[in-house]
N, C-alpha and C. Protein backbone atom coordinates (compact mmCIF):
# COMPACT_ATOMS: atom_id res chain seq x y z
N MET A 1 169.95 99.50 130.38
CA MET A 1 170.49 100.89 131.13
C MET A 1 169.14 101.86 130.20
N ARG A 2 168.69 103.25 130.59
CA ARG A 2 167.29 103.81 129.61
C ARG A 2 168.42 104.80 129.78
N GLU A 3 167.81 105.61 128.23
CA GLU A 3 168.42 107.04 127.65
C GLU A 3 167.85 107.92 128.33
N LYS A 4 168.97 108.66 128.55
CA LYS A 4 168.92 110.19 129.00
C LYS A 4 167.84 110.83 127.91
N LEU A 5 167.03 111.43 128.62
CA LEU A 5 166.04 112.37 127.68
C LEU A 5 166.70 113.45 127.41
N PRO A 6 166.81 114.34 126.12
CA PRO A 6 167.88 115.63 126.37
C PRO A 6 166.46 116.65 126.88
N ASP A 7 167.56 117.69 127.53
CA ASP A 7 167.16 118.77 127.89
C ASP A 7 166.12 119.64 127.37
N ILE A 8 165.13 119.78 128.00
CA ILE A 8 163.67 120.74 126.90
C ILE A 8 163.93 121.95 127.51
N GLY A 9 164.91 122.48 128.59
CA GLY A 9 164.33 123.48 129.45
C GLY A 9 163.44 123.66 130.17
N THR A 10 163.16 125.07 130.88
CA THR A 10 162.23 124.68 132.02
C THR A 10 161.36 126.15 131.72
N TRP A 11 160.20 125.97 131.71
CA TRP A 11 158.86 126.61 131.27
C TRP A 11 158.27 127.42 132.38
N VAL A 12 158.56 128.67 132.23
CA VAL A 12 158.40 130.01 133.34
C VAL A 12 157.39 130.80 133.03
N LEU A 13 156.49 131.00 133.71
CA LEU A 13 155.41 132.32 133.74
C LEU A 13 156.54 133.78 133.74
N PRO A 14 155.87 134.47 133.01
CA PRO A 14 156.59 136.19 133.28
C PRO A 14 156.42 136.13 134.89
N GLN A 15 157.37 136.99 135.54
CA GLN A 15 157.25 137.26 136.64
C GLN A 15 155.97 138.42 136.96
N PRO A 16 155.30 138.88 137.88
CA PRO A 16 153.74 139.87 137.37
C PRO A 16 154.88 141.01 138.02
N LYS A 17 153.54 141.92 136.87
CA LYS A 17 153.83 143.64 137.36
C LYS A 17 153.33 143.86 138.31
N GLU A 18 153.48 145.25 138.83
CA GLU A 18 152.36 145.80 140.14
C GLU A 18 150.82 145.84 139.47
N ALA A 19 149.95 145.21 140.38
CA ALA A 19 148.62 145.23 139.87
C ALA A 19 148.15 146.41 140.01
N TYR A 20 148.43 146.58 141.59
CA TYR A 20 147.67 147.82 142.64
C TYR A 20 148.66 148.79 142.34
N ASP A 21 148.30 149.86 142.04
CA ASP A 21 149.51 150.86 142.56
C ASP A 21 149.25 151.28 143.96
N ASP A 22 148.34 151.24 144.44
CA ASP A 22 148.13 151.13 146.42
C ASP A 22 148.02 149.90 146.85
N ASP A 23 148.21 149.30 148.47
CA ASP A 23 147.80 148.98 148.83
C ASP A 23 146.27 148.81 149.81
N SER A 24 145.54 149.28 148.98
CA SER A 24 144.45 149.54 150.14
C SER A 24 143.34 148.50 149.75
N PHE A 25 143.80 147.63 150.51
CA PHE A 25 142.87 146.40 151.14
C PHE A 25 142.12 146.10 152.03
N VAL A 26 140.79 145.59 151.98
CA VAL A 26 139.59 145.99 153.29
C VAL A 26 139.92 145.04 153.91
N PRO A 27 140.36 144.37 154.92
CA PRO A 27 139.42 142.99 155.71
C PRO A 27 138.20 142.92 155.23
N ILE A 28 138.20 141.50 155.42
CA ILE A 28 136.42 140.47 155.06
C ILE A 28 136.34 140.29 156.30
N PRO A 29 135.04 139.60 156.14
CA PRO A 29 134.39 139.14 157.73
C PRO A 29 134.57 137.36 157.50
N TYR A 30 135.28 137.04 158.47
CA TYR A 30 135.04 135.34 158.08
C TYR A 30 134.25 134.42 158.37
N LEU A 31 133.25 134.33 157.64
CA LEU A 31 131.64 133.80 157.54
C LEU A 31 131.54 132.53 157.58
N LYS A 32 132.73 131.53 156.63
CA LYS A 32 132.13 130.18 156.29
C LYS A 32 132.56 128.93 157.26
N ARG A 33 133.52 129.60 158.07
CA ARG A 33 134.22 128.55 159.41
C ARG A 33 134.88 127.31 158.94
N SER A 34 135.85 127.46 157.45
CA SER A 34 136.06 125.98 157.25
C SER A 34 137.32 126.33 157.45
N LYS A 35 138.01 124.96 157.00
CA LYS A 35 139.65 124.65 157.72
C LYS A 35 140.47 125.31 157.04
N TYR A 36 140.10 125.75 155.93
CA TYR A 36 141.11 126.45 154.83
C TYR A 36 140.60 128.46 154.96
N ILE A 37 141.45 129.01 154.67
CA ILE A 37 141.25 130.41 154.86
C ILE A 37 141.53 130.30 153.27
N PRO A 38 140.64 131.51 152.57
CA PRO A 38 140.77 131.77 151.24
C PRO A 38 142.23 132.02 150.84
N PHE A 39 142.68 131.95 149.77
CA PHE A 39 144.09 132.61 149.45
C PHE A 39 143.95 134.08 149.47
N GLY A 40 145.05 134.44 149.90
CA GLY A 40 145.44 136.42 150.11
C GLY A 40 144.94 136.98 151.33
N TYR A 41 144.16 135.64 152.46
CA TYR A 41 143.75 136.77 153.76
C TYR A 41 144.47 135.58 155.11
N LYS A 42 144.62 136.12 155.62
CA LYS A 42 144.99 135.22 157.63
C LYS A 42 144.12 135.74 158.03
N ILE A 43 143.91 135.05 159.12
CA ILE A 43 143.26 134.98 160.72
C ILE A 43 143.97 136.68 161.14
N SER A 44 143.31 137.26 161.51
CA SER A 44 143.35 138.62 161.98
C SER A 44 143.97 138.36 163.34
N GLU A 45 145.04 139.41 164.07
CA GLU A 45 145.48 138.89 165.49
C GLU A 45 144.38 138.99 166.11
N THR A 46 143.82 139.95 165.95
CA THR A 46 142.96 140.85 167.29
C THR A 46 141.45 140.58 166.70
N ASP A 47 141.37 140.35 166.15
CA ASP A 47 139.82 139.54 166.00
C ASP A 47 139.67 138.20 165.02
N PRO A 48 139.22 137.21 165.35
CA PRO A 48 139.40 136.06 164.77
C PRO A 48 137.86 135.63 163.77
N ASP A 49 137.25 136.64 164.48
CA ASP A 49 135.98 136.67 163.37
C ASP A 49 136.34 137.43 161.71
N VAL A 50 137.11 138.26 162.03
CA VAL A 50 137.94 139.31 160.33
C VAL A 50 139.00 138.53 159.88
N LEU A 51 138.73 138.44 158.39
CA LEU A 51 140.37 137.97 157.65
C LEU A 51 140.99 139.24 157.24
N ASP A 52 142.11 139.51 157.58
CA ASP A 52 143.07 140.63 157.05
C ASP A 52 143.76 139.66 155.64
N PRO A 53 143.66 141.39 154.92
CA PRO A 53 144.40 140.35 153.37
C PRO A 53 145.70 140.80 153.70
N ILE A 54 146.08 140.06 152.62
CA ILE A 54 147.40 140.02 152.24
C ILE A 54 148.30 140.59 151.25
N PRO A 55 148.35 141.95 150.93
CA PRO A 55 148.46 142.26 149.68
C PRO A 55 149.50 141.77 148.66
N GLN A 56 150.71 140.71 149.47
CA GLN A 56 151.34 140.31 148.10
C GLN A 56 150.54 139.22 147.42
N GLU A 57 149.54 138.74 148.20
CA GLU A 57 149.08 137.56 147.76
C GLU A 57 147.70 137.89 146.50
N LEU A 58 146.95 139.09 147.14
CA LEU A 58 146.29 139.40 146.48
C LEU A 58 146.67 139.89 145.05
N LYS A 59 147.86 140.83 145.47
CA LYS A 59 148.23 141.21 143.65
C LYS A 59 148.63 139.82 142.83
N ALA A 60 148.94 139.19 143.58
CA ALA A 60 149.45 137.81 142.47
C ALA A 60 148.43 136.94 141.96
N LEU A 61 147.17 137.14 142.76
CA LEU A 61 146.08 136.74 142.36
C LEU A 61 145.42 137.05 141.31
N GLU A 62 145.59 139.10 140.85
CA GLU A 62 145.14 139.70 140.32
C GLU A 62 145.94 139.21 138.85
N GLN A 63 147.05 139.09 139.29
CA GLN A 63 148.04 138.66 137.77
C GLN A 63 148.00 137.23 137.39
N ALA A 64 147.62 136.33 138.25
CA ALA A 64 146.83 135.16 137.84
C ALA A 64 145.75 134.77 137.07
N LYS A 65 144.75 136.00 137.04
CA LYS A 65 143.73 135.88 136.36
C LYS A 65 144.10 136.23 134.98
N GLN A 66 144.88 137.00 134.85
CA GLN A 66 145.23 137.38 133.52
C GLN A 66 145.62 136.36 132.99
N TYR A 67 147.21 135.79 133.57
CA TYR A 67 147.78 134.23 133.32
C TYR A 67 146.78 133.07 132.86
N ILE A 68 145.67 133.43 133.50
CA ILE A 68 145.15 131.86 133.57
C ILE A 68 144.40 132.03 131.86
N LYS A 69 144.21 133.17 131.36
CA LYS A 69 143.81 133.15 129.71
C LYS A 69 144.57 132.85 128.79
N ARG A 70 145.81 132.51 129.42
CA ARG A 70 146.79 132.22 128.24
C ARG A 70 147.65 130.83 128.44
N TYR A 71 147.61 130.52 129.50
CA TYR A 71 148.49 129.44 130.62
C TYR A 71 147.14 128.41 131.16
N SER A 72 147.94 127.02 131.58
CA SER A 72 147.26 126.20 132.20
C SER A 72 146.54 126.74 133.66
N SER A 73 145.59 126.04 134.33
CA SER A 73 145.66 126.58 135.30
C SER A 73 146.22 125.73 136.41
N ARG A 74 147.00 124.10 136.16
CA ARG A 74 147.70 123.67 137.00
C ARG A 74 148.90 124.90 136.93
N HIS A 75 149.77 125.05 135.12
CA HIS A 75 151.05 126.00 135.63
C HIS A 75 150.78 127.29 136.41
N VAL A 76 149.33 127.61 136.03
CA VAL A 76 149.67 129.37 136.65
C VAL A 76 149.41 129.15 138.38
N ALA A 77 148.98 127.72 138.74
CA ALA A 77 148.66 127.76 140.25
C ALA A 77 150.45 127.06 141.05
N VAL A 78 151.13 126.74 139.63
CA VAL A 78 152.80 126.48 140.68
C VAL A 78 153.32 127.59 140.62
N TRP A 79 153.44 128.47 139.81
CA TRP A 79 153.47 130.23 139.63
C TRP A 79 153.35 130.49 140.63
N LEU A 80 151.90 130.77 141.22
CA LEU A 80 151.21 130.99 142.18
C LEU A 80 152.25 131.33 143.51
N LYS A 81 152.55 129.58 143.56
CA LYS A 81 152.74 129.35 144.80
C LYS A 81 154.62 129.47 145.04
N LYS A 82 154.96 129.07 143.83
CA LYS A 82 156.44 129.68 143.83
C LYS A 82 156.50 131.46 144.59
N VAL A 83 155.79 132.32 143.43
CA VAL A 83 155.85 133.85 143.94
C VAL A 83 155.21 134.13 145.67
N THR A 84 154.29 133.78 145.79
CA THR A 84 153.98 133.87 146.98
C THR A 84 153.89 132.92 148.29
N GLY A 85 154.52 131.89 148.15
CA GLY A 85 154.99 130.80 148.64
C GLY A 85 153.50 129.86 149.65
N ARG A 86 152.43 130.61 149.41
CA ARG A 86 151.32 129.52 149.82
C ARG A 86 150.79 128.96 148.82
N TYR A 87 150.37 127.70 149.08
CA TYR A 87 149.87 126.84 148.13
C TYR A 87 148.31 126.92 147.73
N ILE A 88 148.15 126.80 146.64
CA ILE A 88 146.71 126.58 146.13
C ILE A 88 146.59 125.49 144.81
N SER A 89 145.50 124.81 144.86
CA SER A 89 145.53 123.77 144.10
C SER A 89 144.99 124.49 142.29
N HIS A 90 144.59 123.65 141.31
CA HIS A 90 144.28 124.72 140.34
C HIS A 90 143.42 124.33 140.09
N THR A 91 142.49 123.38 141.06
CA THR A 91 140.65 123.67 141.20
C THR A 91 139.97 124.89 141.98
N GLY A 92 141.36 124.84 142.41
CA GLY A 92 141.18 126.16 143.99
C GLY A 92 141.29 127.47 143.25
N LEU A 93 141.91 127.38 142.43
CA LEU A 93 142.27 128.87 141.51
C LEU A 93 141.12 129.23 140.83
N LEU A 94 140.77 128.36 139.81
CA LEU A 94 139.35 128.45 139.02
C LEU A 94 138.36 128.67 140.39
N LYS A 95 138.34 127.75 141.56
CA LYS A 95 136.57 127.81 141.50
C LYS A 95 137.03 129.62 142.16
N ARG A 96 138.00 129.93 142.50
CA ARG A 96 138.17 131.07 143.43
C ARG A 96 138.24 132.30 142.24
N ILE A 97 138.31 132.14 140.83
CA ILE A 97 138.47 133.10 139.76
C ILE A 97 136.68 133.21 139.45
N LYS A 98 135.93 132.30 139.34
CA LYS A 98 135.18 131.82 139.28
C LYS A 98 133.87 132.46 139.91
N ASP A 99 134.52 132.28 141.49
CA ASP A 99 133.42 132.88 142.15
C ASP A 99 133.32 134.80 142.12
N GLU A 100 134.65 135.07 142.37
CA GLU A 100 134.77 136.29 142.27
C GLU A 100 134.18 137.16 140.68
N GLY A 101 133.91 136.12 139.46
CA GLY A 101 133.24 136.91 138.60
C GLY A 101 131.98 136.66 138.41
N ARG A 102 131.55 135.84 139.47
CA ARG A 102 129.55 135.68 139.80
C ARG A 102 129.54 136.61 141.18
N THR A 103 130.17 137.34 141.86
CA THR A 103 129.48 138.13 142.83
C THR A 103 130.27 139.15 142.04
N LYS A 104 130.80 139.82 141.00
CA LYS A 104 130.84 140.73 140.26
C LYS A 104 129.67 141.36 139.49
N ARG A 105 129.65 140.51 138.85
CA ARG A 105 128.31 140.02 138.19
C ARG A 105 126.85 140.36 138.52
N ARG A 106 126.48 139.80 140.05
CA ARG A 106 125.78 140.09 140.87
C ARG A 106 125.70 141.63 141.69
N SER A 107 126.75 141.93 141.87
CA SER A 107 126.55 142.98 142.36
C SER A 107 125.88 144.37 141.14
N GLN A 108 126.63 143.80 140.16
CA GLN A 108 126.62 144.93 138.63
C GLN A 108 125.12 145.11 138.71
N ALA A 109 124.26 143.43 138.76
CA ALA A 109 123.27 143.43 138.43
C ALA A 109 122.76 144.27 139.39
N LEU A 110 122.71 144.54 140.83
CA LEU A 110 121.93 144.77 141.82
C LEU A 110 122.01 146.39 141.61
N ARG A 111 123.34 147.20 141.68
CA ARG A 111 123.52 148.15 140.89
C ARG A 111 122.76 148.87 139.83
N GLU A 112 122.64 148.01 139.07
CA GLU A 112 121.28 148.53 137.70
C GLU A 112 120.10 148.71 138.73
N TRP A 113 120.04 147.52 139.33
CA TRP A 113 118.11 147.17 139.42
C TRP A 113 117.90 149.05 140.68
N ALA A 114 119.30 149.43 141.17
CA ALA A 114 119.21 150.52 142.27
C ALA A 114 118.91 151.66 141.45
N ARG A 115 119.48 151.29 140.37
CA ARG A 115 119.25 152.99 139.67
C ARG A 115 118.49 153.09 138.95
N ARG A 116 117.86 151.68 138.40
CA ARG A 116 116.45 151.83 138.08
C ARG A 116 115.40 151.86 138.59
N LEU A 117 115.16 151.51 139.53
CA LEU A 117 114.75 152.23 141.05
C LEU A 117 114.48 153.51 141.26
N GLU A 118 115.71 154.33 141.48
CA GLU A 118 116.03 155.60 141.14
C GLU A 118 115.21 156.20 140.39
N LYS A 119 115.65 155.82 139.50
CA LYS A 119 114.58 156.44 138.00
C LYS A 119 113.11 156.33 138.47
N ALA A 120 112.31 155.32 138.74
CA ALA A 120 111.04 154.88 139.20
C ALA A 120 111.09 156.10 139.80
N ILE A 121 111.11 156.09 140.89
CA ILE A 121 111.01 157.14 142.19
C ILE A 121 110.77 158.38 142.02
N SER A 122 111.93 158.87 141.10
CA SER A 122 111.72 160.06 140.61
C SER A 122 110.86 160.62 139.51
N VAL A 123 110.42 159.49 139.04
CA VAL A 123 109.16 159.45 138.33
C VAL A 123 107.93 159.89 138.58
N ALA A 124 108.07 158.92 139.63
CA ALA A 124 106.63 158.79 140.78
C ALA A 124 106.70 159.87 141.55
N LYS A 125 107.35 160.60 142.31
CA LYS A 125 107.41 162.22 142.48
C LYS A 125 106.80 163.02 141.98
N LYS A 126 107.48 163.30 140.50
CA LYS A 126 106.69 164.28 139.58
C LYS A 126 105.28 163.61 139.37
N TYR A 127 105.00 162.24 139.31
CA TYR A 127 103.39 162.01 139.05
C TYR A 127 102.33 162.53 140.53
N GLU A 128 103.18 162.19 141.29
CA GLU A 128 102.57 162.45 142.50
C GLU A 128 102.12 164.00 142.96
N LYS A 129 103.01 165.06 142.33
CA LYS A 129 103.11 166.44 141.94
C LYS A 129 102.11 167.15 141.51
N THR A 130 101.44 165.96 140.63
CA THR A 130 100.09 166.52 139.45
C THR A 130 98.85 166.75 140.57
N LYS A 131 98.04 167.22 139.62
CA LYS A 131 96.44 167.37 140.27
C LYS A 131 95.96 166.45 140.30
N GLY A 132 95.38 166.06 141.44
CA GLY A 132 94.19 164.77 141.38
C GLY A 132 95.20 163.96 142.29
N CYS A 133 96.08 164.18 142.75
CA CYS A 133 97.23 163.24 143.30
C CYS A 133 96.87 163.43 145.28
N LYS A 134 96.47 162.56 145.87
CA LYS A 134 96.26 162.64 147.39
C LYS A 134 97.08 162.03 148.40
N LYS A 135 98.14 162.09 148.87
CA LYS A 135 98.87 161.23 150.19
C LYS A 135 98.15 161.06 151.18
N THR A 136 97.93 159.69 151.47
CA THR A 136 97.73 159.44 152.69
C THR A 136 98.67 158.34 153.47
N SER A 137 98.59 158.78 154.56
CA SER A 137 99.93 157.72 155.42
C SER A 137 99.36 156.79 156.19
N THR A 138 99.42 154.98 155.88
CA THR A 138 98.78 154.41 157.17
C THR A 138 99.81 154.39 158.12
N LYS A 139 101.24 153.72 157.85
CA LYS A 139 101.88 153.66 158.81
C LYS A 139 103.11 154.72 158.93
N GLU A 140 104.06 154.84 159.86
CA GLU A 140 105.31 155.85 159.37
C GLU A 140 105.83 155.55 158.37
N THR A 141 106.52 154.24 158.37
CA THR A 141 106.98 153.60 156.77
C THR A 141 106.42 153.18 155.93
N GLN A 142 105.41 153.30 155.51
CA GLN A 142 104.04 153.46 154.06
C GLN A 142 103.52 154.78 154.17
N THR A 143 103.37 155.04 152.46
CA THR A 143 102.54 156.53 152.65
C THR A 143 102.24 156.03 150.95
N GLN A 144 100.78 155.72 150.94
CA GLN A 144 99.91 155.50 150.12
C GLN A 144 99.18 156.95 149.14
N VAL A 145 99.67 156.74 147.55
CA VAL A 145 98.61 157.81 147.13
C VAL A 145 98.21 157.38 146.25
N GLU A 146 96.83 158.24 146.29
CA GLU A 146 95.66 157.81 145.03
C GLU A 146 95.22 158.98 144.47
N CYS A 147 95.33 158.91 143.05
CA CYS A 147 95.55 159.74 141.89
C CYS A 147 93.88 159.71 141.26
N THR A 148 93.57 160.24 140.74
CA THR A 148 92.31 160.05 139.70
C THR A 148 92.51 160.78 139.08
N GLY A 149 91.66 160.47 137.65
CA GLY A 149 91.53 161.30 136.46
C GLY A 149 92.81 160.78 135.93
């Protein structure tokens, strides 16, 4: 007969605090057409090409991003399932967090490029106003500037 191991208690993650103050989530297009809908979204009842947000799941996912820094991905995935009632694997959770980070970094880089482009355009406009610059229009959308001296 096997000995019964002593009970070491249960390990529970702390309950989530409000991740967002308002529920201003926006629908996203359903592009991939895979058999799995992204965690935090559901197919819209009015348009099958749009995914509607589920605020409770998105708030819990935001809190899970904080927990993943302190706890294992397996424990956070189990906690997420208990809080939302929707299954997500630990690898799916890690992939979702990684993809969101990559998207955020890419959008920050594009915004920086846009800021630099606006600055370059303003410098070019100042340069065009100097003496010796002549604007020539080749097409409606393209304008060439010739400067001498």
